[in-house]
Amino acid sequence: MDGQLKWNGNRVEIGEIERVAQDAIGVCQAAAVPLMRDNRVVDLILFVQMCEDNDGKRAAFLNHLTGALPAYMRPRSIRFVDRLPVTLHGKVDRIRLSSSCSEKITL
């Protein structure tokens, strides 16, 4: 995967979504993972690790995403996690992400 995908007829950069998410105040890490079905992207899930997690910080984060990303790039599903799993090489383990989620919010 080269970091680009076609989602709802639009070309989307996963790295741009992750950068915008990580620029939000209170976010330690973020990773966007496409959900594929029949070789098509059917959803984009954003996993977010907050430095300090509470309802106010989550609301501020959602406002930040709404203001910083066009609607077609905004993930429909956001899952807040205690930490993002990493591989032996220290990179985010995108395969294990789905098992580490603690909450899902649909935008």
C-alpha atoms as a PDB file:
ATOM      1  CA  MET A   1       0.000   0.000   0.000  1.00  0.00           C
ATOM      2  CA  ASP A   2       1.411   3.402  -0.972  1.00  0.00           C
ATOM      3  CA  GLY A   3      -0.670   5.463   1.467  1.00  0.00           C
ATOM      4  CA  GLN A   4      -3.256   6.484  -1.134  1.00  0.00           C
ATOM      5  CA  LEU A   5      -6.647   4.947  -1.569  1.00  0.00           C
ATOM      6  CA  LYS A   6      -9.833   5.535  -3.482  1.00  0.00           C
ATOM      7  CA  TRP A   7     -12.771   6.022  -1.135  1.00  0.00           C
ATOM      8  CA  ASN A   8     -16.248   7.052  -2.267  1.00  0.00           C
ATOM      9  CA  GLY A   9     -14.846   8.174  -5.600  1.00  0.00           C
ATOM     10  CA  ASN A  10     -12.150  10.401  -4.051  1.00  0.00           C
ATOM     11  CA  ARG A  11      -8.410   9.947  -3.807  1.00  0.00           C
ATOM     12  CA  VAL A  12      -7.495  10.013  -0.100  1.00  0.00           C
ATOM     13  CA  GLU A  13      -4.037  10.195   1.513  1.00  0.00           C
ATOM     14  CA  ILE A  14      -3.955   8.199   4.744  1.00  0.00           C
ATOM     15  CA  GLY A  15      -0.856  10.087   5.880  1.00  0.00           C
ATOM     16  CA  GLU A  16      -2.687  13.416   5.609  1.00  0.00           C
ATOM     17  CA  ILE A  17      -5.527  12.160   7.817  1.00  0.00           C
ATOM     18  CA  GLU A  18      -3.040  10.869  10.393  1.00  0.00           C
ATOM     19  CA  ARG A  19      -1.059  14.140  10.326  1.00  0.00           C
ATOM     20  CA  VAL A  20      -4.174  16.240  10.915  1.00  0.00           C
ATOM     21  CA  ALA A  21      -5.271  13.926  13.735  1.00  0.00           C
ATOM     22  CA  GLN A  22      -1.850  14.056  15.397  1.00  0.00           C
ATOM     23  CA  ASP A  23      -1.787  17.857  15.163  1.00  0.00           C
ATOM     24  CA  ALA A  24      -4.821  18.049  17.461  1.00  0.00           C
ATOM     25  CA  ILE A  25      -4.094  19.103  21.022  1.00  0.00           C
ATOM     26  CA  GLY A  26      -4.036  16.145  23.367  1.00  0.00           C
ATOM     27  CA  VAL A  27      -3.342  13.456  20.764  1.00  0.00           C
ATOM     28  CA  CYS A  28      -0.265  11.283  21.292  1.00  0.00           C
ATOM     29  CA  GLN A  29      -0.654   9.060  18.224  1.00  0.00           C
ATOM     30  CA  ALA A  30      -3.144   8.325  15.482  1.00  0.00           C
ATOM     31  CA  ALA A  31      -3.366   5.720  12.734  1.00  0.00           C
ATOM     32  CA  ALA A  32      -5.913   5.410   9.924  1.00  0.00           C
ATOM     33  CA  VAL A  33      -6.764   1.915   8.694  1.00  0.00           C
ATOM     34  CA  PRO A  34      -8.935   1.179   5.663  1.00  0.00           C
ATOM     35  CA  LEU A  35     -11.573  -1.508   5.979  1.00  0.00           C
ATOM     36  CA  MET A  36     -11.605  -3.520   2.752  1.00  0.00           C
ATOM     37  CA  ARG A  37     -14.316  -5.734   1.292  1.00  0.00           C
ATOM     38  CA  ASP A  38     -14.024  -7.329  -2.166  1.00  0.00           C
ATOM     39  CA  ASN A  39     -10.891  -5.231  -2.867  1.00  0.00           C
ATOM     40  CA  ARG A  40     -12.812  -2.000  -2.195  1.00  0.00           C
ATOM     41  CA  VAL A  41     -12.501   0.410   0.706  1.00  0.00           C
ATOM     42  CA  VAL A  42     -15.833   0.372   2.539  1.00  0.00           C
ATOM     43  CA  ASP A  43     -14.786   2.362   5.603  1.00  0.00           C
ATOM     44  CA  LEU A  44     -11.839   4.188   7.075  1.00  0.00           C
ATOM     45  CA  ILE A  45     -11.204   3.712  10.788  1.00  0.00           C
ATOM     46  CA  LEU A  46      -9.122   6.220  12.733  1.00  0.00           C
ATOM     47  CA  PHE A  47      -7.461   4.876  15.889  1.00  0.00           C
ATOM     48  CA  VAL A  48      -6.510   7.618  18.325  1.00  0.00           C
ATOM     49  CA  GLN A  49      -4.377   7.506  21.455  1.00  0.00           C
ATOM     50  CA  MET A  50      -5.044  10.555  23.626  1.00  0.00           C
ATOM     51  CA  CYS A  51      -2.322  11.787  25.994  1.00  0.00           C
ATOM     52  CA  GLU A  52      -4.977  12.659  28.557  1.00  0.00           C
ATOM     53  CA  ASP A  53      -8.349  11.142  27.796  1.00  0.00           C
ATOM     54  CA  ASN A  54     -11.663  12.684  28.824  1.00  0.00           C
ATOM     55  CA  ASP A  55     -14.928  13.738  27.189  1.00  0.00           C
ATOM     56  CA  GLY A  56     -13.832  17.354  26.736  1.00  0.00           C
ATOM     57  CA  LYS A  57     -10.595  16.386  24.980  1.00  0.00           C
ATOM     58  CA  ARG A  58     -12.470  13.971  22.709  1.00  0.00           C
ATOM     59  CA  ALA A  59     -14.997  16.679  21.781  1.00  0.00           C
ATOM     60  CA  ALA A  60     -12.165  19.114  21.024  1.00  0.00           C
ATOM     61  CA  PHE A  61     -10.503  16.453  18.881  1.00  0.00           C
ATOM     62  CA  LEU A  62     -13.697  15.832  16.891  1.00  0.00           C
ATOM     63  CA  ASN A  63     -14.097  19.599  16.354  1.00  0.00           C
ATOM     64  CA  HIS A  64     -10.490  19.782  15.155  1.00  0.00           C
ATOM     65  CA  LEU A  65     -11.064  17.000  12.596  1.00  0.00           C
ATOM     66  CA  THR A  66     -14.269  18.620  11.350  1.00  0.00           C
ATOM     67  CA  GLY A  67     -12.502  21.936  10.826  1.00  0.00           C
ATOM     68  CA  ALA A  68      -9.272  20.578   9.360  1.00  0.00           C
ATOM     69  CA  LEU A  69     -10.424  17.856   6.963  1.00  0.00           C
ATOM     70  CA  PRO A  70     -12.920  18.046   4.105  1.00  0.00           C
ATOM     71  CA  ALA A  71     -15.981  15.858   4.634  1.00  0.00           C
ATOM     72  CA  TYR A  72     -14.899  13.232   2.084  1.00  0.00           C
ATOM     73  CA  MET A  73     -11.623  12.650   3.992  1.00  0.00           C
ATOM     74  CA  ARG A  74     -13.108  12.386   7.498  1.00  0.00           C
ATOM     75  CA  PRO A  75     -13.125   8.844   8.866  1.00  0.00           C
ATOM     76  CA  ARG A  76     -16.624   7.652   9.715  1.00  0.00           C
ATOM     77  CA  SER A  77     -15.367   5.531  12.600  1.00  0.00           C
ATOM     78  CA  ILE A  78     -13.058   6.720  15.354  1.00  0.00           C
ATOM     79  CA  ARG A  79     -11.814   4.343  18.000  1.00  0.00           C
ATOM     80  CA  PHE A  80     -10.052   5.662  21.052  1.00  0.00           C
ATOM     81  CA  VAL A  81      -7.407   3.287  22.388  1.00  0.00           C
ATOM     82  CA  ASP A  82      -5.174   3.256  25.456  1.00  0.00           C
ATOM     83  CA  ARG A  83      -2.162   2.669  23.228  1.00  0.00           C
ATOM     84  CA  LEU A  84      -1.434   1.749  19.647  1.00  0.00           C
ATOM     85  CA  PRO A  85       0.190  -1.667  19.201  1.00  0.00           C
ATOM     86  CA  VAL A  86       3.620  -1.649  17.595  1.00  0.00           C
ATOM     87  CA  THR A  87       5.690  -4.175  15.689  1.00  0.00           C
ATOM     88  CA  LEU A  88       9.136  -5.368  16.758  1.00  0.00           C
ATOM     89  CA  HIS A  89      10.533  -2.506  14.681  1.00  0.00           C
ATOM     90  CA  GLY A  90       8.511   0.135  16.538  1.00  0.00           C
ATOM     91  CA  LYS A  91       6.021   0.853  13.767  1.00  0.00           C
ATOM     92  CA  VAL A  92       2.264   0.913  14.351  1.00  0.00           C
ATOM     93  CA  ASP A  93       0.911  -2.617  13.942  1.00  0.00           C
ATOM     94  CA  ARG A  94      -2.162  -1.929  11.817  1.00  0.00           C
ATOM     95  CA  ILE A  95      -3.192  -5.594  11.777  1.00  0.00           C
ATOM     96  CA  ARG A  96      -3.563  -5.743  15.574  1.00  0.00           C
ATOM     97  CA  LEU A  97      -5.329  -2.396  15.895  1.00  0.00           C
ATOM     98  CA  SER A  98      -8.843  -3.767  15.681  1.00  0.00           C
ATOM     99  CA  SER A  99      -8.354  -5.912  18.784  1.00  0.00           C
ATOM    100  CA  SER A 100      -7.148  -2.991  20.932  1.00  0.00           C
ATOM    101  CA  CYS A 101     -10.082  -0.586  20.564  1.00  0.00           C
ATOM    102  CA  SER A 102     -12.010   0.543  23.625  1.00  0.00           C
ATOM    103  CA  GLU A 103     -14.703   2.767  22.105  1.00  0.00           C
ATOM    104  CA  LYS A 104     -16.169   3.547  18.687  1.00  0.00           C
ATOM    105  CA  ILE A 105     -17.715   6.846  17.661  1.00  0.00           C
ATOM    106  CA  THR A 106     -19.466   7.183  14.321  1.00  0.00           C
ATOM    107  CA  LEU A 107     -19.296  10.624  12.730  1.00  0.00           C
END
